[in-house]
C-alpha atoms as a PDB file:
ATOM      1  CA  UNK A   1      -0.658  24.678 -20.698  1.00  0.00           C
ATOM      2  CA  UNK A   2      -3.471  23.550 -18.459  1.00  0.00           C
ATOM      3  CA  UNK A   3      -3.825  20.025 -17.115  1.00  0.00           C
ATOM      4  CA  UNK A   4      -6.349  18.322 -14.895  1.00  0.00           C
ATOM      5  CA  UNK A   5      -5.153  18.635 -11.280  1.00  0.00           C
ATOM      6  CA  UNK A   6      -6.408  15.146 -10.473  1.00  0.00           C
ATOM      7  CA  UNK A   7      -4.153  13.759 -13.196  1.00  0.00           C
ATOM      8  CA  UNK A   8      -1.146  15.530 -11.749  1.00  0.00           C
ATOM      9  CA  UNK A   9      -1.903  14.207  -8.290  1.00  0.00           C
ATOM     10  CA  UNK A  10      -2.066  10.646  -9.603  1.00  0.00           C
ATOM     11  CA  UNK A  11       1.171  11.119 -11.502  1.00  0.00           C
ATOM     12  CA  UNK A  12       2.873  12.408  -8.369  1.00  0.00           C
ATOM     13  CA  UNK A  13       1.744   9.344  -6.429  1.00  0.00           C
ATOM     14  CA  UNK A  14       3.908   7.202  -8.677  1.00  0.00           C
ATOM     15  CA  UNK A  15       7.283   8.652  -7.679  1.00  0.00           C
ATOM     16  CA  UNK A  16       9.906   5.908  -7.232  1.00  0.00           C
ATOM     17  CA  UNK A  17      13.081   7.192  -5.586  1.00  0.00           C
ATOM     18  CA  UNK A  18      13.318  10.109  -7.973  1.00  0.00           C
ATOM     19  CA  UNK A  19      12.183   8.096 -11.025  1.00  0.00           C
ATOM     20  CA  UNK A  20       8.516   8.151 -12.046  1.00  0.00           C
ATOM     21  CA  UNK A  21       6.364   5.269 -13.192  1.00  0.00           C
ATOM     22  CA  UNK A  22       4.218   4.974 -16.294  1.00  0.00           C
ATOM     23  CA  UNK A  23       1.012   3.232 -15.132  1.00  0.00           C
ATOM     24  CA  UNK A  24      -1.759   1.650 -17.168  1.00  0.00           C
ATOM     25  CA  UNK A  25      -5.566   2.105 -17.309  1.00  0.00           C
ATOM     26  CA  UNK A  26      -6.726   5.391 -18.896  1.00  0.00           C
ATOM     27  CA  UNK A  27      -8.745   7.469 -16.461  1.00  0.00           C
ATOM     28  CA  UNK A  28      -9.172  10.984 -17.769  1.00  0.00           C
ATOM     29  CA  UNK A  29      -7.877  13.480 -20.313  1.00  0.00           C
ATOM     30  CA  UNK A  30      -7.083  17.179 -20.486  1.00  0.00           C
ATOM     31  CA  UNK A  31      -7.133  19.292 -23.660  1.00  0.00           C
ATOM     32  CA  UNK A  32      -4.609  22.004 -24.389  1.00  0.00           C
ATOM     33  CA  UNK A  33      -2.677  23.619 -27.242  1.00  0.00           C
ATOM     34  CA  UNK A  34       1.009  22.923 -27.658  1.00  0.00           C
ATOM     35  CA  UNK A  35       3.349  25.932 -27.479  1.00  0.00           C
ATOM     36  CA  UNK A  36       5.562  24.217 -30.085  1.00  0.00           C
ATOM     37  CA  UNK A  37       2.964  24.423 -32.867  1.00  0.00           C
ATOM     38  CA  UNK A  38       2.473  27.701 -34.752  1.00  0.00           C
ATOM     39  CA  UNK A  39      -1.283  27.392 -35.125  1.00  0.00           C
ATOM     40  CA  UNK A  40      -3.513  26.000 -32.352  1.00  0.00           C
ATOM     41  CA  UNK A  41      -3.795  22.224 -32.744  1.00  0.00           C
ATOM     42  CA  UNK A  42      -6.207  20.099 -30.692  1.00  0.00           C
ATOM     43  CA  UNK A  43      -4.206  17.878 -28.356  1.00  0.00           C
ATOM     44  CA  UNK A  44      -5.300  15.554 -25.572  1.00  0.00           C
ATOM     45  CA  UNK A  45      -2.999  14.240 -22.863  1.00  0.00           C
ATOM     46  CA  UNK A  46      -3.823  10.837 -21.410  1.00  0.00           C
ATOM     47  CA  UNK A  47      -3.952  10.566 -17.647  1.00  0.00           C
ATOM     48  CA  UNK A  48      -3.500   7.121 -16.143  1.00  0.00           C
ATOM     49  CA  UNK A  49      -5.100   5.753 -13.024  1.00  0.00           C
ATOM     50  CA  UNK A  50      -3.628   3.721 -10.205  1.00  0.00           C
ATOM     51  CA  UNK A  51      -2.790   0.241 -11.448  1.00  0.00           C
ATOM     52  CA  UNK A  52      -0.316  -2.572 -10.805  1.00  0.00           C
ATOM     53  CA  UNK A  53       0.504  -2.466 -14.504  1.00  0.00           C
ATOM     54  CA  UNK A  54       3.334   0.015 -14.829  1.00  0.00           C
ATOM     55  CA  UNK A  55       6.872   0.436 -16.123  1.00  0.00           C
ATOM     56  CA  UNK A  56       9.617   2.612 -14.734  1.00  0.00           C
ATOM     57  CA  UNK A  57       9.793   5.912 -16.583  1.00  0.00           C
ATOM     58  CA  UNK A  58      13.276   5.367 -17.953  1.00  0.00           C
ATOM     59  CA  UNK A  59      12.289   2.153 -19.735  1.00  0.00           C
ATOM     60  CA  UNK A  60       9.948   3.588 -22.406  1.00  0.00           C
ATOM     61  CA  UNK A  61      12.022   6.778 -22.593  1.00  0.00           C
ATOM     62  CA  UNK A  62      15.087   4.855 -23.763  1.00  0.00           C
ATOM     63  CA  UNK A  63      13.094   2.559 -26.057  1.00  0.00           C
ATOM     64  CA  UNK A  64      11.298   5.480 -27.720  1.00  0.00           C
ATOM     65  CA  UNK A  65      14.496   7.424 -28.364  1.00  0.00           C
ATOM     66  CA  UNK A  66      16.819   4.576 -29.300  1.00  0.00           C
ATOM     67  CA  UNK A  67      14.553   1.960 -30.906  1.00  0.00           C
ATOM     68  CA  UNK A  68      10.921   2.830 -31.661  1.00  0.00           C
ATOM     69  CA  UNK A  69      11.164   6.276 -33.272  1.00  0.00           C
ATOM     70  CA  UNK A  70      14.324   5.706 -35.355  1.00  0.00           C
ATOM     71  CA  UNK A  71      12.724   2.582 -36.823  1.00  0.00           C
ATOM     72  CA  UNK A  72       9.179   3.953 -37.147  1.00  0.00           C
ATOM     73  CA  UNK A  73      10.024   7.172 -38.995  1.00  0.00           C
ATOM     74  CA  UNK A  74      11.747   5.167 -41.744  1.00  0.00           C
ATOM     75  CA  UNK A  75       8.861   2.723 -42.118  1.00  0.00           C
ATOM     76  CA  UNK A  76       6.524   2.825 -45.097  1.00  0.00           C
ATOM     77  CA  UNK A  77       3.140   3.601 -43.512  1.00  0.00           C
ATOM     78  CA  UNK A  78       0.862   1.072 -45.244  1.00  0.00           C
ATOM     79  CA  UNK A  79      -1.423   0.536 -42.238  1.00  0.00           C
ATOM     80  CA  UNK A  80      -3.144   2.897 -39.782  1.00  0.00           C
ATOM     81  CA  UNK A  81      -1.080   1.871 -36.768  1.00  0.00           C
ATOM     82  CA  UNK A  82       2.424   0.975 -35.624  1.00  0.00           C
ATOM     83  CA  UNK A  83       2.699  -1.130 -32.455  1.00  0.00           C
ATOM     84  CA  UNK A  84       5.748  -2.988 -31.215  1.00  0.00           C
ATOM     85  CA  UNK A  85       6.349  -4.955 -28.021  1.00  0.00           C
ATOM     86  CA  UNK A  86       9.485  -4.690 -25.905  1.00  0.00           C
ATOM     87  CA  UNK A  87      11.043  -6.534 -22.916  1.00  0.00           C
ATOM     88  CA  UNK A  88       8.840  -9.606 -23.294  1.00  0.00           C
ATOM     89  CA  UNK A  89       9.006 -11.996 -20.348  1.00  0.00           C
ATOM     90  CA  UNK A  90      10.036  -9.276 -17.880  1.00  0.00           C
ATOM     91  CA  UNK A  91       8.089  -6.997 -15.499  1.00  0.00           C
ATOM     92  CA  UNK A  92       8.864  -4.144 -17.937  1.00  0.00           C
ATOM     93  CA  UNK A  93       6.961  -5.799 -20.831  1.00  0.00           C
ATOM     94  CA  UNK A  94       5.437  -2.868 -22.706  1.00  0.00           C
ATOM     95  CA  UNK A  95       3.601  -2.011 -25.935  1.00  0.00           C
ATOM     96  CA  UNK A  96       4.464   1.270 -27.656  1.00  0.00           C
ATOM     97  CA  UNK A  97       2.255   2.457 -30.495  1.00  0.00           C
ATOM     98  CA  UNK A  98       1.237   5.267 -32.829  1.00  0.00           C
ATOM     99  CA  UNK A  99      -2.336   4.974 -34.147  1.00  0.00           C
ATOM    100  CA  UNK A 100      -3.772   7.312 -36.808  1.00  0.00           C
ATOM    101  CA  UNK A 101      -7.014   5.381 -37.472  1.00  0.00           C
ATOM    102  CA  UNK A 102      -9.090   8.408 -36.412  1.00  0.00           C
ATOM    103  CA  UNK A 103      -7.118  10.955 -38.424  1.00  0.00           C
ATOM    104  CA  UNK A 104      -9.361  12.680 -40.997  1.00  0.00           C
ATOM    105  CA  UNK A 105      -6.763  12.502 -43.758  1.00  0.00           C
ATOM    106  CA  UNK A 106      -4.830   9.288 -43.133  1.00  0.00           C
ATOM    107  CA  UNK A 107      -2.935   9.431 -46.407  1.00  0.00           C
ATOM    108  CA  UNK A 108      -1.242  12.695 -45.431  1.00  0.00           C
ATOM    109  CA  UNK A 109       0.161  11.389 -42.144  1.00  0.00           C
ATOM    110  CA  UNK A 110       3.936  11.326 -41.817  1.00  0.00           C
ATOM    111  CA  UNK A 111       5.729  10.470 -38.599  1.00  0.00           C
ATOM    112  CA  UNK A 112       8.182  13.196 -37.652  1.00  0.00           C
ATOM    113  CA  UNK A 113      11.160  12.099 -35.480  1.00  0.00           C
ATOM    114  CA  UNK A 114      10.789  15.022 -33.058  1.00  0.00           C
ATOM    115  CA  UNK A 115       7.020  14.622 -32.722  1.00  0.00           C
ATOM    116  CA  UNK A 116       7.355  10.861 -32.316  1.00  0.00           C
ATOM    117  CA  UNK A 117       9.697  11.299 -29.364  1.00  0.00           C
ATOM    118  CA  UNK A 118       7.942  14.115 -27.474  1.00  0.00           C
ATOM    119  CA  UNK A 119       4.332  12.996 -28.129  1.00  0.00           C
ATOM    120  CA  UNK A 120       5.014   9.401 -27.092  1.00  0.00           C
ATOM    121  CA  UNK A 121       6.763  10.439 -23.869  1.00  0.00           C
ATOM    122  CA  UNK A 122       3.672  12.448 -22.909  1.00  0.00           C
ATOM    123  CA  UNK A 123       1.191   9.887 -24.340  1.00  0.00           C
ATOM    124  CA  UNK A 124      -0.708  12.486 -26.359  1.00  0.00           C
ATOM    125  CA  UNK A 125      -3.542  12.479 -28.882  1.00  0.00           C
ATOM    126  CA  UNK A 126      -2.780  14.981 -31.644  1.00  0.00           C
ATOM    127  CA  UNK A 127      -5.039  15.652 -34.666  1.00  0.00           C
ATOM    128  CA  UNK A 128      -6.578  12.183 -34.488  1.00  0.00           C
ATOM    129  CA  UNK A 129      -3.251  10.433 -33.863  1.00  0.00           C
ATOM    130  CA  UNK A 130      -2.805   8.548 -30.582  1.00  0.00           C
ATOM    131  CA  UNK A 131       0.672   8.068 -29.138  1.00  0.00           C
ATOM    132  CA  UNK A 132       0.490   5.337 -26.486  1.00  0.00           C
ATOM    133  CA  UNK A 133       2.612   3.460 -23.958  1.00  0.00           C
ATOM    134  CA  UNK A 134       0.839   0.425 -22.497  1.00  0.00           C
ATOM    135  CA  UNK A 135       2.402  -1.663 -19.692  1.00  0.00           C
ATOM    136  CA  UNK A 136       1.369  -5.303 -20.163  1.00  0.00           C
ATOM    137  CA  UNK A 137       2.300  -7.080 -16.931  1.00  0.00           C
ATOM    138  CA  UNK A 138       0.357  -7.236 -13.664  1.00  0.00           C
ATOM    139  CA  UNK A 139       3.149  -6.541 -11.199  1.00  0.00           C
ATOM    140  CA  UNK A 140       3.914  -6.398  -7.516  1.00  0.00           C
ATOM    141  CA  UNK A 141       2.925  -3.098  -5.884  1.00  0.00           C
ATOM    142  CA  UNK A 142       5.533  -0.475  -6.734  1.00  0.00           C
ATOM    143  CA  UNK A 143       8.067  -0.088  -3.909  1.00  0.00           C
ATOM    144  CA  UNK A 144       8.851   3.364  -2.597  1.00  0.00           C
ATOM    145  CA  UNK A 145      12.517   2.579  -3.165  1.00  0.00           C
ATOM    146  CA  UNK A 146      14.519  -0.374  -4.566  1.00  0.00           C
ATOM    147  CA  UNK A 147      14.382  -3.465  -2.378  1.00  0.00           C
ATOM    148  CA  UNK A 148      16.717  -6.449  -2.173  1.00  0.00           C
ATOM    149  CA  UNK A 149      17.375  -9.501   0.018  1.00  0.00           C
ATOM    150  CA  UNK A 150      20.468 -11.699  -0.066  1.00  0.00           C
ATOM    151  CA  UNK A 151      21.034 -15.037   1.692  1.00  0.00           C
ATOM    152  CA  UNK A 152      24.240 -17.072   1.651  1.00  0.00           C
ATOM    153  CA  UNK A 153      24.618 -20.708   2.726  1.00  0.00           C
ATOM    154  CA  UNK A 154      28.184 -22.003   3.216  1.00  0.00           C
ATOM    155  CA  UNK A 155      29.139 -25.475   2.062  1.00  0.00           C
ATOM    156  CA  UNK A 156      32.486 -27.242   2.378  1.00  0.00           C
ATOM    157  CA  UNK A 157      33.380 -26.638  -1.269  1.00  0.00           C
ATOM    158  CA  UNK A 158      31.327 -23.593  -2.281  1.00  0.00           C
ATOM    159  CA  UNK A 159      28.955 -20.864  -1.122  1.00  0.00           C
ATOM    160  CA  UNK A 160      25.346 -20.754  -2.398  1.00  0.00           C
ATOM    161  CA  UNK A 161      23.990 -17.203  -2.881  1.00  0.00           C
ATOM    162  CA  UNK A 162      20.300 -16.310  -3.353  1.00  0.00           C
ATOM    163  CA  UNK A 163      19.247 -12.739  -4.157  1.00  0.00           C
ATOM    164  CA  UNK A 164      15.697 -11.432  -4.598  1.00  0.00           C
ATOM    165  CA  UNK A 165      14.756  -7.904  -5.597  1.00  0.00           C
ATOM    166  CA  UNK A 166      12.196  -5.351  -6.709  1.00  0.00           C
ATOM    167  CA  UNK A 167      12.664  -1.886  -8.216  1.00  0.00           C
ATOM    168  CA  UNK A 168      15.934  -2.729 -10.006  1.00  0.00           C
ATOM    169  CA  UNK A 169      17.198  -5.264 -12.592  1.00  0.00           C
ATOM    170  CA  UNK A 170      13.700  -5.071 -14.083  1.00  0.00           C
ATOM    171  CA  UNK A 171      14.292  -5.904 -17.724  1.00  0.00           C
ATOM    172  CA  UNK A 172      17.763  -7.214 -18.685  1.00  0.00           C
ATOM    173  CA  UNK A 173      17.486 -10.786 -17.322  1.00  0.00           C
ATOM    174  CA  UNK A 174      20.279 -10.099 -14.854  1.00  0.00           C
ATOM    175  CA  UNK A 175      22.895  -9.336 -17.499  1.00  0.00           C
ATOM    176  CA  UNK A 176      24.317  -6.263 -15.739  1.00  0.00           C
ATOM    177  CA  UNK A 177      24.389  -8.162 -12.453  1.00  0.00           C
ATOM    178  CA  UNK A 178      26.129 -11.146 -14.041  1.00  0.00           C
ATOM    179  CA  UNK A 179      28.684  -8.852 -15.703  1.00  0.00           C
ATOM    180  CA  UNK A 180      29.461  -7.065 -12.425  1.00  0.00           C
ATOM    181  CA  UNK A 181      29.940 -10.358 -10.576  1.00  0.00           C
ATOM    182  CA  UNK A 182      32.398 -11.803 -13.100  1.00  0.00           C
ATOM    183  CA  UNK A 183      35.367 -11.093 -10.785  1.00  0.00           C
ATOM    184  CA  UNK A 184      33.757 -12.599  -7.686  1.00  0.00           C
ATOM    185  CA  UNK A 185      34.920 -16.225  -8.085  1.00  0.00           C
ATOM    186  CA  UNK A 186      31.589 -17.489  -9.422  1.00  0.00           C
ATOM    187  CA  UNK A 187      31.480 -21.157 -10.385  1.00  0.00           C
ATOM    188  CA  UNK A 188      30.790 -21.370 -14.162  1.00  0.00           C
ATOM    189  CA  UNK A 189      27.187 -21.997 -15.232  1.00  0.00           C
ATOM    190  CA  UNK A 190      25.742 -21.500 -11.733  1.00  0.00           C
ATOM    191  CA  UNK A 191      24.297 -18.011 -12.297  1.00  0.00           C
ATOM    192  CA  UNK A 192      20.529 -18.436 -12.826  1.00  0.00           C
ATOM    193  CA  UNK A 193      18.176 -15.447 -13.086  1.00  0.00           C
ATOM    194  CA  UNK A 194      14.363 -15.684 -13.247  1.00  0.00           C
ATOM    195  CA  UNK A 195      11.495 -13.204 -13.217  1.00  0.00           C
ATOM    196  CA  UNK A 196       8.641 -14.275 -10.930  1.00  0.00           C
ATOM    197  CA  UNK A 197       6.495 -12.589  -8.255  1.00  0.00           C
ATOM    198  CA  UNK A 198       7.591 -13.611  -4.758  1.00  0.00           C
ATOM    199  CA  UNK A 199       5.584 -13.679  -1.555  1.00  0.00           C
ATOM    200  CA  UNK A 200       8.033 -11.130  -0.126  1.00  0.00           C
ATOM    201  CA  UNK A 201       7.122  -8.595  -2.831  1.00  0.00           C
ATOM    202  CA  UNK A 202      10.148  -9.356  -5.007  1.00  0.00           C
ATOM    203  CA  UNK A 203       9.849  -9.584  -8.801  1.00  0.00           C
ATOM    204  CA  UNK A 204      12.921 -11.651  -9.580  1.00  0.00           C
ATOM    205  CA  UNK A 205      15.329 -14.168  -8.089  1.00  0.00           C
ATOM    206  CA  UNK A 206      18.934 -15.064  -8.856  1.00  0.00           C
ATOM    207  CA  UNK A 207      20.978 -17.976  -7.530  1.00  0.00           C
ATOM    208  CA  UNK A 208      24.709 -18.566  -7.914  1.00  0.00           C
ATOM    209  CA  UNK A 209      27.589 -20.471  -6.387  1.00  0.00           C
ATOM    210  CA  UNK A 210      31.020 -19.069  -5.587  1.00  0.00           C
ATOM    211  CA  UNK A 211      34.217 -20.811  -4.532  1.00  0.00           C
ATOM    212  CA  UNK A 212      35.340 -17.950  -2.305  1.00  0.00           C
ATOM    213  CA  UNK A 213      32.998 -15.824  -0.206  1.00  0.00           C
ATOM    214  CA  UNK A 214      34.045 -12.187  -0.554  1.00  0.00           C
ATOM    215  CA  UNK A 215      31.069 -10.271   0.783  1.00  0.00           C
ATOM    216  CA  UNK A 216      32.508  -6.824   0.130  1.00  0.00           C
ATOM    217  CA  UNK A 217      33.108  -7.535  -3.556  1.00  0.00           C
ATOM    218  CA  UNK A 218      29.698  -9.089  -4.117  1.00  0.00           C
ATOM    219  CA  UNK A 219      27.682  -6.517  -2.168  1.00  0.00           C
ATOM    220  CA  UNK A 220      29.464  -3.605  -3.859  1.00  0.00           C
ATOM    221  CA  UNK A 221      28.904  -5.148  -7.299  1.00  0.00           C
ATOM    222  CA  UNK A 222      25.211  -5.645  -6.578  1.00  0.00           C
ATOM    223  CA  UNK A 223      24.809  -2.037  -5.408  1.00  0.00           C
ATOM    224  CA  UNK A 224      26.329  -0.819  -8.661  1.00  0.00           C
ATOM    225  CA  UNK A 225      23.415  -2.293 -10.636  1.00  0.00           C
ATOM    226  CA  UNK A 226      20.672  -0.767  -8.490  1.00  0.00           C
ATOM    227  CA  UNK A 227      20.445  -2.425  -5.085  1.00  0.00           C
ATOM    228  CA  UNK A 228      19.646  -0.076  -2.172  1.00  0.00           C
ATOM    229  CA  UNK A 229      22.486   1.472  -0.184  1.00  0.00           C
ATOM    230  CA  UNK A 230      21.671  -0.641   2.890  1.00  0.00           C
ATOM    231  CA  UNK A 231      21.833  -3.899   0.912  1.00  0.00           C
ATOM    232  CA  UNK A 232      23.673  -6.707   2.680  1.00  0.00           C
ATOM    233  CA  UNK A 233      23.880 -10.507   2.676  1.00  0.00           C
ATOM    234  CA  UNK A 234      22.739 -12.671   5.578  1.00  0.00           C
ATOM    235  CA  UNK A 235      25.122 -15.595   6.034  1.00  0.00           C
ATOM    236  CA  UNK A 236      24.289 -18.987   7.519  1.00  0.00           C
ATOM    237  CA  UNK A 237      26.152 -22.269   7.878  1.00  0.00           C
END
């Protein structure tokens, strides 16, 4: 299998603490024959350029395996393309598609579960069929590692907590974070999570109020959902 070295170099530049990124903007392509196919079959692998449109590698991987392919292979193929959108409203908003418009014999095309999974993960073009992952959001520059900031203001009756982050909690609207904090004396209905680009490079912000300030519990819970190991809360008031 031979790939364009420039493509590999670009792919390597998108390492994120051991997890790669899937960037946007097609730049080049490399042709090769798959070792999994008995007879040589023309295949083209997309190579993506540097862009602020990207998703973390695990996001499309899970969607492809658990949602897209199981649904797509059971679909009656009346059109020449399947495209579905996932994680709308989050930095991980992504389009995943299979397009056989350029296939010479469209009527013979059947989507195989194994091919769907492996071709989409590698974003290949096979026999006129294009398997694509397209990030849809212009994001903050990708951090080299997860980043998070926490500030706490003490009041007489409660403690106001503000957390901002990038590189974690990218697509679930803070659900995992909210679940982990359920035992930290949060005041009901004060947990508010929003996705927005911040001047500090963050991609989301969460605010909450707690009746009792237990830094160890809160910091440990936040680390469990992806915050960096050196995460801490700065306290004032």
